[in-house]
N, C-alpha and C. Protein backbone atom coordinates (compact mmCIF):
# COMPACT_ATOMS: atom_id res chain seq x y z
N MET A 1 -27.25 31.11 37.07
CA MET A 1 -27.42 30.60 38.42
C MET A 1 -27.59 31.75 39.40
N SER A 2 -28.35 31.50 40.44
CA SER A 2 -28.55 32.54 41.45
C SER A 2 -27.35 32.58 42.38
N THR A 3 -27.26 33.66 43.15
CA THR A 3 -26.11 33.79 44.07
C THR A 3 -26.22 32.85 45.25
N THR A 4 -27.38 32.24 45.45
CA THR A 4 -27.52 31.29 46.55
C THR A 4 -27.25 29.85 46.10
N ASP A 5 -26.94 29.68 44.84
CA ASP A 5 -26.64 28.35 44.32
C ASP A 5 -25.37 27.82 45.00
N PRO A 6 -25.41 26.58 45.57
CA PRO A 6 -24.25 26.06 46.27
C PRO A 6 -22.99 25.99 45.42
N GLU A 7 -23.15 25.83 44.11
CA GLU A 7 -21.97 25.76 43.25
C GLU A 7 -21.28 27.10 43.10
N ARG A 8 -21.95 28.19 43.44
CA ARG A 8 -21.38 29.52 43.26
C ARG A 8 -20.96 30.16 44.59
N THR A 9 -21.21 29.50 45.70
CA THR A 9 -20.85 30.10 46.98
C THR A 9 -19.34 30.13 47.12
N PRO A 10 -18.82 31.13 47.83
CA PRO A 10 -17.37 31.27 47.94
C PRO A 10 -16.67 30.08 48.58
N ASP A 11 -17.38 29.27 49.33
CA ASP A 11 -16.72 28.19 50.02
C ASP A 11 -16.89 26.83 49.34
N ALA A 12 -17.21 26.83 48.06
CA ALA A 12 -17.40 25.56 47.34
C ALA A 12 -16.12 24.72 47.38
N ALA A 13 -14.99 25.36 47.21
CA ALA A 13 -13.72 24.61 47.23
C ALA A 13 -13.50 23.95 48.58
N THR A 14 -13.86 24.66 49.64
CA THR A 14 -13.72 24.11 50.99
C THR A 14 -14.70 22.96 51.20
N ARG A 15 -15.94 23.13 50.73
CA ARG A 15 -16.92 22.04 50.84
C ARG A 15 -16.44 20.80 50.11
N ILE A 16 -15.80 20.99 48.98
CA ILE A 16 -15.26 19.86 48.22
C ILE A 16 -14.19 19.14 49.03
N LEU A 17 -13.30 19.91 49.65
CA LEU A 17 -12.25 19.29 50.47
C LEU A 17 -12.84 18.54 51.66
N HIS A 18 -13.81 19.15 52.34
CA HIS A 18 -14.41 18.49 53.50
C HIS A 18 -15.16 17.22 53.09
N ALA A 19 -15.87 17.29 51.98
CA ALA A 19 -16.56 16.09 51.49
C ALA A 19 -15.54 15.01 51.12
N SER A 20 -14.44 15.41 50.52
CA SER A 20 -13.39 14.46 50.16
C SER A 20 -12.83 13.77 51.39
N ALA A 21 -12.56 14.55 52.43
CA ALA A 21 -12.02 13.99 53.67
C ALA A 21 -13.00 12.99 54.27
N ARG A 22 -14.25 13.37 54.32
CA ARG A 22 -15.28 12.50 54.90
C ARG A 22 -15.41 11.19 54.10
N LEU A 23 -15.48 11.31 52.79
CA LEU A 23 -15.64 10.12 51.95
C LEU A 23 -14.40 9.23 51.97
N PHE A 24 -13.23 9.85 51.99
CA PHE A 24 -12.00 9.07 52.04
C PHE A 24 -11.92 8.32 53.37
N ALA A 25 -12.31 8.97 54.46
CA ALA A 25 -12.29 8.33 55.77
C ALA A 25 -13.27 7.16 55.82
N GLU A 26 -14.40 7.31 55.16
CA GLU A 26 -15.42 6.26 55.18
C GLU A 26 -15.09 5.08 54.28
N GLY A 27 -14.50 5.34 53.11
CA GLY A 27 -14.32 4.26 52.16
C GLY A 27 -12.92 4.00 51.66
N GLY A 28 -11.97 4.85 52.02
CA GLY A 28 -10.60 4.67 51.57
C GLY A 28 -10.43 5.00 50.10
N ALA A 29 -9.24 4.76 49.62
CA ALA A 29 -8.87 5.10 48.24
C ALA A 29 -9.67 4.30 47.23
N ALA A 30 -9.94 3.06 47.54
CA ALA A 30 -10.61 2.18 46.57
C ALA A 30 -12.01 2.67 46.23
N ARG A 31 -12.69 3.27 47.18
CA ARG A 31 -14.06 3.71 46.95
C ARG A 31 -14.17 5.21 46.71
N PHE A 32 -13.06 5.92 46.67
CA PHE A 32 -13.07 7.37 46.50
C PHE A 32 -13.26 7.72 45.03
N ASN A 33 -14.31 8.48 44.72
CA ASN A 33 -14.48 8.94 43.35
C ASN A 33 -15.08 10.34 43.34
N LEU A 34 -14.78 11.05 42.29
CA LEU A 34 -15.16 12.46 42.20
C LEU A 34 -16.67 12.67 42.12
N GLN A 35 -17.40 11.74 41.54
CA GLN A 35 -18.85 11.90 41.46
C GLN A 35 -19.47 11.90 42.86
N GLU A 36 -19.01 10.99 43.73
CA GLU A 36 -19.53 10.97 45.10
C GLU A 36 -19.12 12.23 45.86
N VAL A 37 -17.92 12.70 45.61
CA VAL A 37 -17.46 13.95 46.24
C VAL A 37 -18.39 15.09 45.82
N ALA A 38 -18.68 15.17 44.53
CA ALA A 38 -19.55 16.22 44.02
C ALA A 38 -20.92 16.16 44.68
N GLU A 39 -21.50 14.97 44.76
CA GLU A 39 -22.81 14.82 45.38
C GLU A 39 -22.77 15.21 46.85
N SER A 40 -21.75 14.76 47.56
CA SER A 40 -21.64 15.05 48.98
C SER A 40 -21.40 16.54 49.25
N ALA A 41 -20.66 17.19 48.38
CA ALA A 41 -20.36 18.63 48.55
C ALA A 41 -21.46 19.52 48.01
N GLY A 42 -22.42 18.93 47.27
CA GLY A 42 -23.49 19.72 46.69
C GLY A 42 -23.03 20.57 45.52
N VAL A 43 -22.07 20.04 44.75
CA VAL A 43 -21.55 20.75 43.58
C VAL A 43 -21.55 19.80 42.38
N SER A 44 -21.25 20.35 41.23
CA SER A 44 -21.12 19.50 40.05
C SER A 44 -19.69 18.96 39.98
N LYS A 45 -19.54 17.88 39.25
CA LYS A 45 -18.21 17.32 39.05
C LYS A 45 -17.33 18.33 38.30
N GLY A 46 -17.95 19.10 37.42
CA GLY A 46 -17.22 20.13 36.69
C GLY A 46 -16.62 21.18 37.61
N LEU A 47 -17.32 21.50 38.70
CA LEU A 47 -16.80 22.49 39.64
C LEU A 47 -15.58 21.92 40.39
N ILE A 48 -15.58 20.64 40.64
CA ILE A 48 -14.39 20.02 41.24
C ILE A 48 -13.20 20.20 40.31
N HIS A 49 -13.42 19.94 39.02
CA HIS A 49 -12.34 20.11 38.05
C HIS A 49 -11.92 21.58 37.92
N TYR A 50 -12.86 22.48 38.07
CA TYR A 50 -12.54 23.90 38.03
C TYR A 50 -11.59 24.28 39.17
N HIS A 51 -11.91 23.81 40.37
CA HIS A 51 -11.10 24.16 41.55
C HIS A 51 -9.83 23.33 41.67
N TYR A 52 -9.89 22.06 41.28
CA TYR A 52 -8.76 21.15 41.56
C TYR A 52 -8.19 20.45 40.33
N HIS A 53 -8.73 20.67 39.18
CA HIS A 53 -8.24 20.15 37.90
C HIS A 53 -8.40 18.64 37.76
N ASP A 54 -7.90 17.87 38.73
CA ASP A 54 -7.99 16.41 38.62
C ASP A 54 -7.94 15.79 40.03
N ARG A 55 -8.10 14.48 40.06
CA ARG A 55 -8.12 13.73 41.33
C ARG A 55 -6.84 13.94 42.12
N ASP A 56 -5.69 13.89 41.45
CA ASP A 56 -4.41 14.02 42.15
C ASP A 56 -4.25 15.39 42.81
N THR A 57 -4.68 16.43 42.12
CA THR A 57 -4.60 17.77 42.70
C THR A 57 -5.52 17.87 43.91
N LEU A 58 -6.71 17.32 43.79
CA LEU A 58 -7.65 17.32 44.92
C LEU A 58 -7.05 16.59 46.11
N LEU A 59 -6.46 15.42 45.88
CA LEU A 59 -5.87 14.66 46.98
C LEU A 59 -4.69 15.39 47.60
N ALA A 60 -3.89 16.05 46.77
CA ALA A 60 -2.76 16.82 47.31
C ALA A 60 -3.26 17.96 48.20
N ARG A 61 -4.31 18.67 47.76
CA ARG A 61 -4.87 19.75 48.58
C ARG A 61 -5.51 19.18 49.84
N LEU A 62 -6.10 18.00 49.74
CA LEU A 62 -6.69 17.35 50.91
C LEU A 62 -5.61 17.04 51.95
N ILE A 63 -4.48 16.54 51.50
CA ILE A 63 -3.36 16.26 52.41
C ILE A 63 -2.92 17.55 53.10
N GLU A 64 -2.79 18.62 52.34
CA GLU A 64 -2.39 19.91 52.92
C GLU A 64 -3.38 20.37 53.97
N MET A 65 -4.67 20.26 53.67
CA MET A 65 -5.71 20.70 54.60
C MET A 65 -5.68 19.87 55.88
N LEU A 66 -5.64 18.55 55.73
CA LEU A 66 -5.65 17.67 56.90
C LEU A 66 -4.41 17.88 57.76
N SER A 67 -3.28 17.97 57.12
CA SER A 67 -2.03 18.16 57.84
C SER A 67 -2.05 19.47 58.62
N ALA A 68 -2.49 20.53 57.99
CA ALA A 68 -2.56 21.83 58.66
C ALA A 68 -3.50 21.79 59.85
N ALA A 69 -4.63 21.12 59.70
CA ALA A 69 -5.61 21.04 60.79
C ALA A 69 -5.06 20.22 61.96
N ILE A 70 -4.43 19.10 61.66
CA ILE A 70 -3.86 18.24 62.70
C ILE A 70 -2.78 19.00 63.47
N VAL A 71 -1.90 19.65 62.75
CA VAL A 71 -0.81 20.41 63.39
C VAL A 71 -1.36 21.56 64.21
N ALA A 72 -2.36 22.26 63.71
CA ALA A 72 -2.95 23.38 64.46
C ALA A 72 -3.55 22.88 65.77
N ARG A 73 -4.22 21.75 65.73
CA ARG A 73 -4.81 21.21 66.96
C ARG A 73 -3.72 20.78 67.95
N GLU A 74 -2.64 20.20 67.43
CA GLU A 74 -1.53 19.80 68.30
C GLU A 74 -0.92 21.04 68.97
N ARG A 75 -0.70 22.06 68.20
CA ARG A 75 -0.12 23.30 68.75
C ARG A 75 -1.04 23.94 69.79
N ARG A 76 -2.35 23.92 69.53
CA ARG A 76 -3.29 24.47 70.52
C ARG A 76 -3.24 23.67 71.82
N ALA A 77 -3.15 22.35 71.70
CA ALA A 77 -3.09 21.51 72.90
C ALA A 77 -1.85 21.82 73.72
N MET A 78 -0.73 22.03 73.05
CA MET A 78 0.51 22.29 73.76
C MET A 78 0.58 23.73 74.29
N ALA A 79 -0.11 24.64 73.67
CA ALA A 79 -0.05 26.05 74.08
C ALA A 79 -0.61 26.25 75.48
N THR A 80 -1.56 25.44 75.87
CA THR A 80 -2.18 25.60 77.18
C THR A 80 -1.68 24.59 78.20
N ALA A 81 -0.76 23.74 77.79
CA ALA A 81 -0.26 22.69 78.68
C ALA A 81 0.56 23.28 79.82
N THR A 82 0.49 22.60 80.95
CA THR A 82 1.31 22.94 82.11
C THR A 82 2.11 21.70 82.47
N ALA A 83 3.05 21.84 83.39
CA ALA A 83 3.84 20.69 83.82
C ALA A 83 2.94 19.58 84.36
N ALA A 84 1.86 19.97 85.03
CA ALA A 84 0.96 18.99 85.63
C ALA A 84 0.04 18.31 84.60
N THR A 85 -0.16 18.97 83.45
CA THR A 85 -1.15 18.45 82.50
C THR A 85 -0.59 18.03 81.15
N VAL A 86 0.68 18.24 80.90
CA VAL A 86 1.22 18.11 79.54
C VAL A 86 1.00 16.71 78.94
N ILE A 87 1.23 15.66 79.70
CA ILE A 87 1.03 14.31 79.14
C ILE A 87 -0.45 14.08 78.84
N ASP A 88 -1.33 14.47 79.76
CA ASP A 88 -2.77 14.33 79.52
C ASP A 88 -3.23 15.19 78.35
N ASP A 89 -2.67 16.40 78.23
CA ASP A 89 -3.03 17.26 77.11
C ASP A 89 -2.61 16.64 75.78
N MET A 90 -1.43 16.04 75.76
CA MET A 90 -0.98 15.37 74.52
C MET A 90 -1.89 14.17 74.23
N TRP A 91 -2.26 13.43 75.26
CA TRP A 91 -3.15 12.29 75.05
C TRP A 91 -4.51 12.75 74.53
N ASP A 92 -5.06 13.79 75.13
CA ASP A 92 -6.36 14.30 74.67
C ASP A 92 -6.30 14.70 73.21
N TRP A 93 -5.19 15.32 72.81
CA TRP A 93 -5.03 15.68 71.40
C TRP A 93 -5.00 14.43 70.52
N LEU A 94 -4.18 13.44 70.89
CA LEU A 94 -4.07 12.23 70.07
C LEU A 94 -5.39 11.45 70.05
N LYS A 95 -6.06 11.37 71.19
CA LYS A 95 -7.35 10.69 71.25
C LYS A 95 -8.35 11.36 70.30
N GLY A 96 -8.35 12.69 70.27
CA GLY A 96 -9.21 13.42 69.34
C GLY A 96 -8.87 13.12 67.90
N GLU A 97 -7.58 13.01 67.61
CA GLU A 97 -7.16 12.69 66.24
C GLU A 97 -7.58 11.27 65.85
N LEU A 98 -7.49 10.35 66.80
CA LEU A 98 -7.95 8.98 66.52
C LEU A 98 -9.44 8.98 66.21
N ARG A 99 -10.20 9.75 66.97
CA ARG A 99 -11.65 9.83 66.77
C ARG A 99 -11.98 10.45 65.40
N ARG A 100 -11.27 11.50 65.03
CA ARG A 100 -11.53 12.18 63.76
C ARG A 100 -11.15 11.32 62.55
N GLY A 101 -10.12 10.52 62.69
CA GLY A 101 -9.69 9.65 61.60
C GLY A 101 -8.82 10.33 60.55
N GLN A 102 -8.43 11.57 60.77
CA GLN A 102 -7.67 12.28 59.74
C GLN A 102 -6.23 11.79 59.63
N LEU A 103 -5.63 11.34 60.73
CA LEU A 103 -4.29 10.75 60.63
C LEU A 103 -4.33 9.47 59.81
N ARG A 104 -5.40 8.70 59.98
CA ARG A 104 -5.55 7.47 59.20
C ARG A 104 -5.70 7.80 57.71
N VAL A 105 -6.44 8.86 57.41
CA VAL A 105 -6.59 9.28 56.01
C VAL A 105 -5.22 9.67 55.44
N LEU A 106 -4.43 10.41 56.21
CA LEU A 106 -3.08 10.76 55.74
C LEU A 106 -2.25 9.52 55.47
N GLN A 107 -2.36 8.52 56.33
CA GLN A 107 -1.61 7.28 56.10
C GLN A 107 -2.05 6.60 54.81
N GLU A 108 -3.34 6.56 54.57
CA GLU A 108 -3.83 5.95 53.33
C GLU A 108 -3.39 6.74 52.11
N LEU A 109 -3.45 8.05 52.21
CA LEU A 109 -3.05 8.88 51.08
C LEU A 109 -1.57 8.74 50.78
N ALA A 110 -0.78 8.38 51.78
CA ALA A 110 0.66 8.17 51.57
C ALA A 110 0.93 7.00 50.62
N GLN A 111 -0.07 6.17 50.39
CA GLN A 111 0.08 5.03 49.48
C GLN A 111 -0.22 5.37 48.03
N GLU A 112 -0.75 6.56 47.80
CA GLU A 112 -1.08 6.98 46.43
C GLU A 112 0.21 7.19 45.64
N PRO A 113 0.29 6.65 44.43
CA PRO A 113 1.53 6.72 43.67
C PRO A 113 1.79 8.01 42.89
N ALA A 114 0.79 8.84 42.71
CA ALA A 114 0.95 10.04 41.87
C ALA A 114 2.00 10.99 42.46
N ALA A 115 2.82 11.55 41.60
CA ALA A 115 3.93 12.42 42.04
C ALA A 115 3.42 13.63 42.83
N LEU A 116 2.33 14.23 42.41
CA LEU A 116 1.79 15.40 43.11
C LEU A 116 1.35 15.02 44.52
N VAL A 117 0.72 13.89 44.65
CA VAL A 117 0.27 13.41 45.95
C VAL A 117 1.47 13.05 46.82
N ARG A 118 2.46 12.40 46.24
CA ARG A 118 3.67 12.02 46.99
C ARG A 118 4.38 13.28 47.52
N GLY A 119 4.42 14.32 46.72
CA GLY A 119 5.03 15.58 47.16
C GLY A 119 4.27 16.18 48.33
N ALA A 120 2.95 16.12 48.28
CA ALA A 120 2.13 16.64 49.39
C ALA A 120 2.33 15.79 50.65
N VAL A 121 2.47 14.49 50.48
CA VAL A 121 2.73 13.59 51.62
C VAL A 121 4.06 13.95 52.27
N LEU A 122 5.05 14.19 51.45
CA LEU A 122 6.38 14.57 51.97
C LEU A 122 6.31 15.90 52.73
N ALA A 123 5.62 16.88 52.16
CA ALA A 123 5.47 18.17 52.84
C ALA A 123 4.69 18.02 54.14
N SER A 124 3.68 17.16 54.13
CA SER A 124 2.90 16.90 55.34
C SER A 124 3.77 16.28 56.42
N ALA A 125 4.59 15.32 56.04
CA ALA A 125 5.48 14.67 57.01
C ALA A 125 6.44 15.68 57.63
N THR A 126 6.96 16.58 56.81
CA THR A 126 7.86 17.62 57.32
C THR A 126 7.11 18.54 58.28
N HIS A 127 5.91 18.94 57.90
CA HIS A 127 5.09 19.82 58.73
C HIS A 127 4.79 19.15 60.08
N ARG A 128 4.43 17.90 60.04
CA ARG A 128 4.11 17.16 61.27
C ARG A 128 5.36 16.98 62.14
N ARG A 129 6.52 16.72 61.52
CA ARG A 129 7.77 16.60 62.30
C ARG A 129 8.14 17.93 62.95
N ASP A 130 7.95 19.03 62.23
CA ASP A 130 8.22 20.34 62.80
C ASP A 130 7.35 20.59 64.03
N ALA A 131 6.08 20.25 63.93
CA ALA A 131 5.17 20.42 65.07
C ALA A 131 5.57 19.50 66.22
N ALA A 132 5.96 18.29 65.89
CA ALA A 132 6.39 17.35 66.94
C ALA A 132 7.68 17.84 67.61
N THR A 133 8.55 18.49 66.86
CA THR A 133 9.76 19.07 67.46
C THR A 133 9.38 20.12 68.50
N GLU A 134 8.40 20.96 68.14
CA GLU A 134 7.91 21.95 69.09
C GLU A 134 7.29 21.28 70.32
N THR A 135 6.52 20.23 70.09
CA THR A 135 5.87 19.50 71.18
C THR A 135 6.89 18.91 72.13
N VAL A 136 7.89 18.23 71.57
CA VAL A 136 8.93 17.60 72.39
C VAL A 136 9.69 18.68 73.18
N SER A 137 10.05 19.75 72.51
CA SER A 137 10.77 20.84 73.19
C SER A 137 9.94 21.40 74.34
N ARG A 138 8.67 21.63 74.06
CA ARG A 138 7.78 22.19 75.09
C ARG A 138 7.61 21.22 76.25
N LEU A 139 7.45 19.94 75.97
CA LEU A 139 7.29 18.93 77.02
C LEU A 139 8.49 18.95 77.96
N PHE A 140 9.68 18.86 77.39
CA PHE A 140 10.88 18.84 78.22
C PHE A 140 11.04 20.15 78.99
N GLU A 141 10.72 21.26 78.33
CA GLU A 141 10.81 22.57 78.99
C GLU A 141 9.86 22.64 80.18
N LEU A 142 8.60 22.24 79.96
CA LEU A 142 7.62 22.28 81.04
C LEU A 142 8.03 21.42 82.22
N LEU A 143 8.65 20.30 81.94
CA LEU A 143 9.05 19.37 83.01
C LEU A 143 10.41 19.72 83.60
N GLY A 144 11.03 20.78 83.06
CA GLY A 144 12.33 21.20 83.57
C GLY A 144 13.44 20.20 83.26
N LEU A 145 13.32 19.52 82.13
CA LEU A 145 14.28 18.51 81.73
C LEU A 145 14.99 18.94 80.44
N LYS A 146 16.13 18.33 80.21
CA LYS A 146 16.86 18.59 78.97
C LYS A 146 17.08 17.24 78.28
N PRO A 147 16.63 17.13 77.02
CA PRO A 147 16.81 15.85 76.33
C PRO A 147 18.28 15.62 75.95
N LYS A 148 18.71 14.35 76.03
CA LYS A 148 20.07 13.98 75.62
C LYS A 148 20.17 13.93 74.09
N VAL A 149 19.04 13.79 73.45
CA VAL A 149 18.96 13.67 72.00
C VAL A 149 18.27 14.93 71.48
N PRO A 150 18.70 15.49 70.36
CA PRO A 150 18.04 16.69 69.83
C PRO A 150 16.54 16.46 69.61
N PRO A 151 15.72 17.45 70.00
CA PRO A 151 14.27 17.31 69.83
C PRO A 151 13.84 16.97 68.40
N ALA A 152 14.57 17.45 67.40
CA ALA A 152 14.20 17.14 66.01
C ALA A 152 14.31 15.65 65.72
N LEU A 153 15.29 14.98 66.31
CA LEU A 153 15.41 13.52 66.13
C LEU A 153 14.30 12.81 66.88
N LEU A 154 14.02 13.27 68.08
CA LEU A 154 12.93 12.66 68.86
C LEU A 154 11.59 12.87 68.15
N ALA A 155 11.45 13.99 67.46
CA ALA A 155 10.19 14.29 66.77
C ALA A 155 9.87 13.25 65.71
N SER A 156 10.88 12.78 65.00
CA SER A 156 10.64 11.73 64.00
C SER A 156 10.09 10.47 64.65
N VAL A 157 10.61 10.16 65.83
CA VAL A 157 10.13 8.99 66.57
C VAL A 157 8.69 9.22 67.03
N VAL A 158 8.39 10.43 67.48
CA VAL A 158 7.04 10.76 67.95
C VAL A 158 6.03 10.63 66.80
N VAL A 159 6.36 11.17 65.64
CA VAL A 159 5.44 11.07 64.49
C VAL A 159 5.24 9.60 64.10
N ALA A 160 6.31 8.83 64.08
CA ALA A 160 6.18 7.41 63.76
C ALA A 160 5.32 6.70 64.80
N PHE A 161 5.50 7.07 66.05
CA PHE A 161 4.67 6.49 67.12
C PHE A 161 3.20 6.82 66.90
N HIS A 162 2.89 8.10 66.62
CA HIS A 162 1.49 8.49 66.39
C HIS A 162 0.90 7.68 65.25
N ASP A 163 1.66 7.53 64.16
CA ASP A 163 1.17 6.75 63.03
C ASP A 163 0.96 5.28 63.42
N GLY A 164 1.84 4.77 64.26
CA GLY A 164 1.69 3.40 64.74
C GLY A 164 0.45 3.24 65.61
N VAL A 165 0.16 4.23 66.44
CA VAL A 165 -1.04 4.17 67.28
C VAL A 165 -2.28 4.17 66.40
N VAL A 166 -2.26 4.97 65.35
CA VAL A 166 -3.40 5.01 64.42
C VAL A 166 -3.60 3.64 63.78
N LEU A 167 -2.52 3.04 63.32
CA LEU A 167 -2.62 1.71 62.72
C LEU A 167 -3.09 0.67 63.73
N HIS A 168 -2.53 0.72 64.93
CA HIS A 168 -2.92 -0.22 65.98
C HIS A 168 -4.40 -0.07 66.33
N ALA A 169 -4.89 1.17 66.41
CA ALA A 169 -6.30 1.41 66.72
C ALA A 169 -7.20 0.83 65.64
N ALA A 170 -6.72 0.84 64.40
CA ALA A 170 -7.53 0.29 63.30
C ALA A 170 -7.59 -1.23 63.34
N VAL A 171 -6.50 -1.88 63.72
CA VAL A 171 -6.48 -3.34 63.70
C VAL A 171 -6.88 -3.97 65.03
N ALA A 172 -6.77 -3.21 66.13
CA ALA A 172 -7.15 -3.73 67.44
C ALA A 172 -7.96 -2.69 68.21
N PRO A 173 -9.15 -2.34 67.71
CA PRO A 173 -9.92 -1.26 68.33
C PRO A 173 -10.37 -1.57 69.77
N GLU A 174 -10.34 -2.82 70.13
CA GLU A 174 -10.77 -3.19 71.49
C GLU A 174 -9.70 -2.88 72.54
N GLN A 175 -8.49 -2.64 72.13
CA GLN A 175 -7.40 -2.36 73.06
C GLN A 175 -7.30 -0.85 73.32
N ASP A 176 -7.01 -0.51 74.57
CA ASP A 176 -6.90 0.89 74.96
C ASP A 176 -5.53 1.43 74.58
N PRO A 177 -5.46 2.37 73.64
CA PRO A 177 -4.16 2.90 73.22
C PRO A 177 -3.51 3.81 74.26
N ARG A 178 -4.24 4.19 75.30
CA ARG A 178 -3.67 5.07 76.32
C ARG A 178 -2.51 4.37 77.05
N VAL A 179 -2.62 3.09 77.25
CA VAL A 179 -1.55 2.36 77.94
C VAL A 179 -0.26 2.45 77.13
N VAL A 180 -0.35 2.20 75.84
CA VAL A 180 0.82 2.27 74.96
C VAL A 180 1.36 3.69 74.94
N PHE A 181 0.47 4.67 74.89
CA PHE A 181 0.86 6.07 74.90
C PHE A 181 1.68 6.41 76.15
N ASP A 182 1.18 6.00 77.32
CA ASP A 182 1.87 6.29 78.57
C ASP A 182 3.23 5.62 78.64
N VAL A 183 3.30 4.37 78.21
CA VAL A 183 4.58 3.65 78.21
C VAL A 183 5.57 4.34 77.27
N PHE A 184 5.11 4.75 76.12
CA PHE A 184 5.97 5.45 75.16
C PHE A 184 6.56 6.70 75.78
N TRP A 185 5.70 7.53 76.39
CA TRP A 185 6.21 8.78 76.94
C TRP A 185 7.08 8.57 78.17
N LEU A 186 6.83 7.53 78.94
CA LEU A 186 7.75 7.20 80.04
C LEU A 186 9.13 6.88 79.48
N GLY A 187 9.15 6.13 78.39
CA GLY A 187 10.41 5.82 77.71
C GLY A 187 11.07 7.05 77.15
N MET A 188 10.30 7.96 76.56
CA MET A 188 10.86 9.18 76.00
C MET A 188 11.49 10.05 77.09
N LEU A 189 10.89 10.06 78.25
CA LEU A 189 11.43 10.86 79.35
C LEU A 189 12.77 10.29 79.86
N GLU A 190 13.03 9.05 79.53
CA GLU A 190 14.31 8.44 79.91
C GLU A 190 15.49 9.04 79.16
N VAL A 191 15.22 9.75 78.08
CA VAL A 191 16.31 10.37 77.32
C VAL A 191 16.65 11.77 77.85
N ALA A 192 16.15 12.07 79.05
CA ALA A 192 16.46 13.36 79.68
C ALA A 192 17.74 13.24 80.49
N GLU A 193 18.47 14.35 80.54
CA GLU A 193 19.70 14.39 81.35
C GLU A 193 19.34 14.54 82.82
């Protein structure tokens, strides 16, 4: 094969992950198969097995990639937030995540029974809670407030809320999730001293 062959390029593993994310978002677990991933990524099915060994390993790496990307975007949104913009900055981040569909993919992948995938789901949940702890801490700090409840406990509620918004957006796309978002954060601010 030549060095320009897509199967030999250094980023083949990344292309496989991106194709997997796209296909999973479009068709869910029921329609996800390695042959379509290979075609979408421009690689052979054998190259998928070379990089990821099997479907479960690929899905576990997909969870890691999506989780890392979601958390990185959340952290970037909070890094530039000010007291005047923090709620809008958090909304813009969540709205972007709803548009991308990656949180929904994580929710679907959480239903996969394979032990390797379940372990990745657990690690993803921990990673997302850690980021939410930072977000909650930063929010209260920016607003000059002190939470009555430890930020780590509030973070679990925040992650559950985000997942609920994703589910709600899927079943009731005609409803504006911003209203629910604003009401949630008004309630969260009530736990300030």
